[in-house]
Amino acid sequence: MAKEKCGNCNGTGMADCPMEYGGRCPDNCPACGGKQKVKCQDCKGTGKVDA
């Protein structure tokens, strides 16, 4: 099956942290650990999804 660039992460494999702290996430953020990015759940971090 053909693959195309993931629209959620724009092909990077990383998406914005889903937690909403109203600014930068703290170092103890349970989702990203303060990095602001998490592995994209749409493409599982590959950057590609089925077309």
PDB file of N, CA and C in Angstrom:
ATOM      1  N   MET A   1       0.848  -1.184   0.000  1.00  0.00           N
ATOM      2  CA  MET A   1       0.000   0.000   0.000  1.00  0.00           C
ATOM      3  C   MET A   1       0.895   1.249   0.000  1.00  0.00           C
ATOM      4  N   ALA A   2       0.485   2.234  -0.738  1.00  0.00           N
ATOM      5  CA  ALA A   2       1.262   3.476  -0.845  1.00  0.00           C
ATOM      6  C   ALA A   2       1.224   4.255   0.464  1.00  0.00           C
ATOM      7  N   LYS A   3       2.312   4.957   0.717  1.00  0.00           N
ATOM      8  CA  LYS A   3       2.420   5.783   1.927  1.00  0.00           C
ATOM      9  C   LYS A   3       2.500   7.246   1.523  1.00  0.00           C
ATOM     10  N   GLU A   4       2.027   8.108   2.398  1.00  0.00           N
ATOM     11  CA  GLU A   4       2.141   9.551   2.182  1.00  0.00           C
ATOM     12  C   GLU A   4       2.546  10.221   3.484  1.00  0.00           C
ATOM     13  N   LYS A   5       3.000  11.450   3.378  1.00  0.00           N
ATOM     14  CA  LYS A   5       3.455  12.193   4.552  1.00  0.00           C
ATOM     15  C   LYS A   5       2.298  12.381   5.535  1.00  0.00           C
ATOM     16  N   CYS A   6       2.567  12.137   6.793  1.00  0.00           N
ATOM     17  CA  CYS A   6       1.565  12.288   7.849  1.00  0.00           C
ATOM     18  C   CYS A   6       1.176  13.756   7.983  1.00  0.00           C
ATOM     19  N   GLY A   7      -0.105  14.030   7.976  1.00  0.00           N
ATOM     20  CA  GLY A   7      -0.593  15.399   8.096  1.00  0.00           C
ATOM     21  C   GLY A   7      -0.558  15.929   9.518  1.00  0.00           C
ATOM     22  N   ASN A   8      -0.539  15.037  10.504  1.00  0.00           N
ATOM     23  CA  ASN A   8      -0.526  15.479  11.896  1.00  0.00           C
ATOM     24  C   ASN A   8       0.838  16.029  12.300  1.00  0.00           C
ATOM     25  N   CYS A   9       1.907  15.358  11.863  1.00  0.00           N
ATOM     26  CA  CYS A   9       3.259  15.768  12.263  1.00  0.00           C
ATOM     27  C   CYS A   9       4.056  16.363  11.104  1.00  0.00           C
ATOM     28  N   ASN A  10       3.442  16.455   9.942  1.00  0.00           N
ATOM     29  CA  ASN A  10       4.090  16.987   8.737  1.00  0.00           C
ATOM     30  C   ASN A  10       5.311  16.166   8.337  1.00  0.00           C
ATOM     31  N   GLY A  11       5.242  14.858   8.600  1.00  0.00           N
ATOM     32  CA  GLY A  11       6.302  13.955   8.184  1.00  0.00           C
ATOM     33  C   GLY A  11       7.493  13.857   9.120  1.00  0.00           C
ATOM     34  N   THR A  12       7.449  14.534  10.256  1.00  0.00           N
ATOM     35  CA  THR A  12       8.593  14.513  11.170  1.00  0.00           C
ATOM     36  C   THR A  12       8.573  13.326  12.127  1.00  0.00           C
ATOM     37  N   GLY A  13       7.402  12.747  12.363  1.00  0.00           N
ATOM     38  CA  GLY A  13       7.278  11.660  13.326  1.00  0.00           C
ATOM     39  C   GLY A  13       7.070  12.155  14.748  1.00  0.00           C
ATOM     40  N   MET A  14       7.169  13.466  14.945  1.00  0.00           N
ATOM     41  CA  MET A  14       6.987  14.061  16.268  1.00  0.00           C
ATOM     42  C   MET A  14       5.866  15.100  16.206  1.00  0.00           C
ATOM     43  N   ALA A  15       4.990  15.084  17.203  1.00  0.00           N
ATOM     44  CA  ALA A  15       3.872  16.022  17.264  1.00  0.00           C
ATOM     45  C   ALA A  15       3.957  16.833  18.555  1.00  0.00           C
ATOM     46  N   ASP A  16       3.235  17.926  18.605  1.00  0.00           N
ATOM     47  CA  ASP A  16       3.196  18.750  19.812  1.00  0.00           C
ATOM     48  C   ASP A  16       2.625  17.947  20.971  1.00  0.00           C
ATOM     49  N   CYS A  17       3.122  18.202  22.149  1.00  0.00           N
ATOM     50  CA  CYS A  17       2.635  17.522  23.348  1.00  0.00           C
ATOM     51  C   CYS A  17       1.137  17.779  23.508  1.00  0.00           C
ATOM     52  N   PRO A  18       0.354  16.733  23.795  1.00  0.00           N
ATOM     53  CA  PRO A  18      -1.091  16.904  23.931  1.00  0.00           C
ATOM     54  C   PRO A  18      -1.526  17.541  25.257  1.00  0.00           C
ATOM     55  N   MET A  19      -0.614  17.644  26.213  1.00  0.00           N
ATOM     56  CA  MET A  19      -0.959  18.241  27.502  1.00  0.00           C
ATOM     57  C   MET A  19      -1.070  19.750  27.334  1.00  0.00           C
ATOM     58  N   GLU A  20      -2.020  20.353  28.007  1.00  0.00           N
ATOM     59  CA  GLU A  20      -2.236  21.791  27.869  1.00  0.00           C
ATOM     60  C   GLU A  20      -1.938  22.490  29.190  1.00  0.00           C
ATOM     61  N   TYR A  21      -0.730  23.011  29.296  1.00  0.00           N
ATOM     62  CA  TYR A  21      -0.315  23.718  30.501  1.00  0.00           C
ATOM     63  C   TYR A  21      -0.447  25.226  30.346  1.00  0.00           C
ATOM     64  N   GLY A  22      -0.832  25.716  29.164  1.00  0.00           N
ATOM     65  CA  GLY A  22      -0.933  27.151  28.939  1.00  0.00           C
ATOM     66  C   GLY A  22       0.422  27.782  28.697  1.00  0.00           C
ATOM     67  N   GLY A  23       1.329  27.040  28.151  1.00  0.00           N
ATOM     68  CA  GLY A  23       2.699  27.487  27.896  1.00  0.00           C
ATOM     69  C   GLY A  23       3.583  26.271  27.763  1.00  0.00           C
ATOM     70  N   ARG A  24       4.854  26.450  28.044  1.00  0.00           N
ATOM     71  CA  ARG A  24       5.781  25.316  27.977  1.00  0.00           C
ATOM     72  C   ARG A  24       5.448  24.278  29.040  1.00  0.00           C
ATOM     73  N   CYS A  25       5.630  23.023  28.687  1.00  0.00           N
ATOM     74  CA  CYS A  25       5.400  21.940  29.643  1.00  0.00           C
ATOM     75  C   CYS A  25       6.512  21.933  30.689  1.00  0.00           C
ATOM     76  N   PRO A  26       6.170  21.589  31.917  1.00  0.00           N
ATOM     77  CA  PRO A  26       7.208  21.472  32.945  1.00  0.00           C
ATOM     78  C   PRO A  26       8.043  20.211  32.720  1.00  0.00           C
ATOM     79  N   ASP A  27       9.189  20.147  33.356  1.00  0.00           N
ATOM     80  CA  ASP A  27      10.068  18.982  33.220  1.00  0.00           C
ATOM     81  C   ASP A  27       9.413  17.690  33.689  1.00  0.00           C
ATOM     82  N   ASN A  28       8.389  17.797  34.525  1.00  0.00           N
ATOM     83  CA  ASN A  28       7.716  16.599  35.025  1.00  0.00           C
ATOM     84  C   ASN A  28       6.435  16.284  34.251  1.00  0.00           C
ATOM     85  N   CYS A  29       6.270  16.830  33.043  1.00  0.00           N
ATOM     86  CA  CYS A  29       5.098  16.527  32.217  1.00  0.00           C
ATOM     87  C   CYS A  29       5.058  15.017  31.961  1.00  0.00           C
ATOM     88  N   PRO A  30       3.916  14.366  32.236  1.00  0.00           N
ATOM     89  CA  PRO A  30       3.849  12.914  32.066  1.00  0.00           C
ATOM     90  C   PRO A  30       3.902  12.463  30.608  1.00  0.00           C
ATOM     91  N   ALA A  31       3.617  13.347  29.671  1.00  0.00           N
ATOM     92  CA  ALA A  31       3.610  12.954  28.254  1.00  0.00           C
ATOM     93  C   ALA A  31       4.955  13.183  27.571  1.00  0.00           C
ATOM     94  N   CYS A  32       5.563  14.353  27.791  1.00  0.00           N
ATOM     95  CA  CYS A  32       6.776  14.693  27.032  1.00  0.00           C
ATOM     96  C   CYS A  32       8.013  14.921  27.885  1.00  0.00           C
ATOM     97  N   GLY A  33       7.865  14.967  29.193  1.00  0.00           N
ATOM     98  CA  GLY A  33       9.027  15.188  30.056  1.00  0.00           C
ATOM     99  C   GLY A  33       9.674  16.544  29.862  1.00  0.00           C
ATOM    100  N   GLY A  34       8.881  17.530  29.405  1.00  0.00           N
ATOM    101  CA  GLY A  34       9.392  18.882  29.213  1.00  0.00           C
ATOM    102  C   GLY A  34       9.970  19.140  27.833  1.00  0.00           C
ATOM    103  N   LYS A  35       9.932  18.157  26.951  1.00  0.00           N
ATOM    104  CA  LYS A  35      10.512  18.311  25.612  1.00  0.00           C
ATOM    105  C   LYS A  35       9.569  19.009  24.627  1.00  0.00           C
ATOM    106  N   GLN A  36       8.295  19.153  24.954  1.00  0.00           N
ATOM    107  CA  GLN A  36       7.270  19.803  24.141  1.00  0.00           C
ATOM    108  C   GLN A  36       6.813  18.966  22.952  1.00  0.00           C
ATOM    109  N   LYS A  37       7.482  17.873  22.643  1.00  0.00           N
ATOM    110  CA  LYS A  37       7.122  17.017  21.508  1.00  0.00           C
ATOM    111  C   LYS A  37       6.987  15.573  21.984  1.00  0.00           C
ATOM    112  N   VAL A  38       6.091  14.833  21.340  1.00  0.00           N
ATOM    113  CA  VAL A  38       5.896  13.410  21.615  1.00  0.00           C
ATOM    114  C   VAL A  38       5.860  12.666  20.281  1.00  0.00           C
ATOM    115  N   LYS A  39       6.026  11.355  20.325  1.00  0.00           N
ATOM    116  CA  LYS A  39       5.923  10.558  19.106  1.00  0.00           C
ATOM    117  C   LYS A  39       4.504  10.691  18.563  1.00  0.00           C
ATOM    118  N   CYS A  40       4.391  10.985  17.290  1.00  0.00           N
ATOM    119  CA  CYS A  40       3.085  11.160  16.653  1.00  0.00           C
ATOM    120  C   CYS A  40       2.288   9.862  16.744  1.00  0.00           C
ATOM    121  N   GLN A  41       1.065   9.949  17.216  1.00  0.00           N
ATOM    122  CA  GLN A  41       0.222   8.770  17.359  1.00  0.00           C
ATOM    123  C   GLN A  41      -0.435   8.362  16.045  1.00  0.00           C
ATOM    124  N   ASP A  42      -0.567   9.296  15.103  1.00  0.00           N
ATOM    125  CA  ASP A  42      -1.187   8.961  13.817  1.00  0.00           C
ATOM    126  C   ASP A  42      -0.295   8.047  12.984  1.00  0.00           C
ATOM    127  N   CYS A  43       1.007   8.319  12.984  1.00  0.00           N
ATOM    128  CA  CYS A  43       1.942   7.545  12.154  1.00  0.00           C
ATOM    129  C   CYS A  43       2.883   6.676  12.981  1.00  0.00           C
ATOM    130  N   LYS A  44       2.725   6.683  14.289  1.00  0.00           N
ATOM    131  CA  LYS A  44       3.572   5.900  15.210  1.00  0.00           C
ATOM    132  C   LYS A  44       5.039   6.298  15.112  1.00  0.00           C
ATOM    133  N   GLY A  45       5.291   7.569  14.763  1.00  0.00           N
ATOM    134  CA  GLY A  45       6.656   8.077  14.729  1.00  0.00           C
ATOM    135  C   GLY A  45       7.392   7.867  13.421  1.00  0.00           C
ATOM    136  N   THR A  46       6.713   7.314  12.417  1.00  0.00           N
ATOM    137  CA  THR A  46       7.388   7.046  11.144  1.00  0.00           C
ATOM    138  C   THR A  46       7.359   8.241  10.198  1.00  0.00           C
ATOM    139  N   GLY A  47       6.395   9.141  10.368  1.00  0.00           N
ATOM    140  CA  GLY A  47       6.248  10.274   9.460  1.00  0.00           C
ATOM    141  C   GLY A  47       5.427   9.951   8.230  1.00  0.00           C
ATOM    142  N   LYS A  48       5.005   8.686   8.097  1.00  0.00           N
ATOM    143  CA  LYS A  48       4.237   8.247   6.923  1.00  0.00           C
ATOM    144  C   LYS A  48       2.962   7.541   7.370  1.00  0.00           C
ATOM    145  N   VAL A  49       1.905   7.728   6.592  1.00  0.00           N
ATOM    146  CA  VAL A  49       0.634   7.046   6.835  1.00  0.00           C
ATOM    147  C   VAL A  49       0.174   6.412   5.524  1.00  0.00           C
ATOM    148  N   ASP A  50      -0.714   5.435   5.616  1.00  0.00           N
ATOM    149  CA  ASP A  50      -1.258   4.817   4.407  1.00  0.00           C
ATOM    150  C   ASP A  50      -2.028   5.849   3.603  1.00  0.00           C
ATOM    151  N   ALA A  51      -1.826   5.826   2.296  1.00  0.00           N
ATOM    152  CA  ALA A  51      -2.486   6.790   1.405  1.00  0.00           C
ATOM    153  C   ALA A  51      -3.938   6.414   1.197  1.00  0.00           C
TER     154      ALA A  51
END
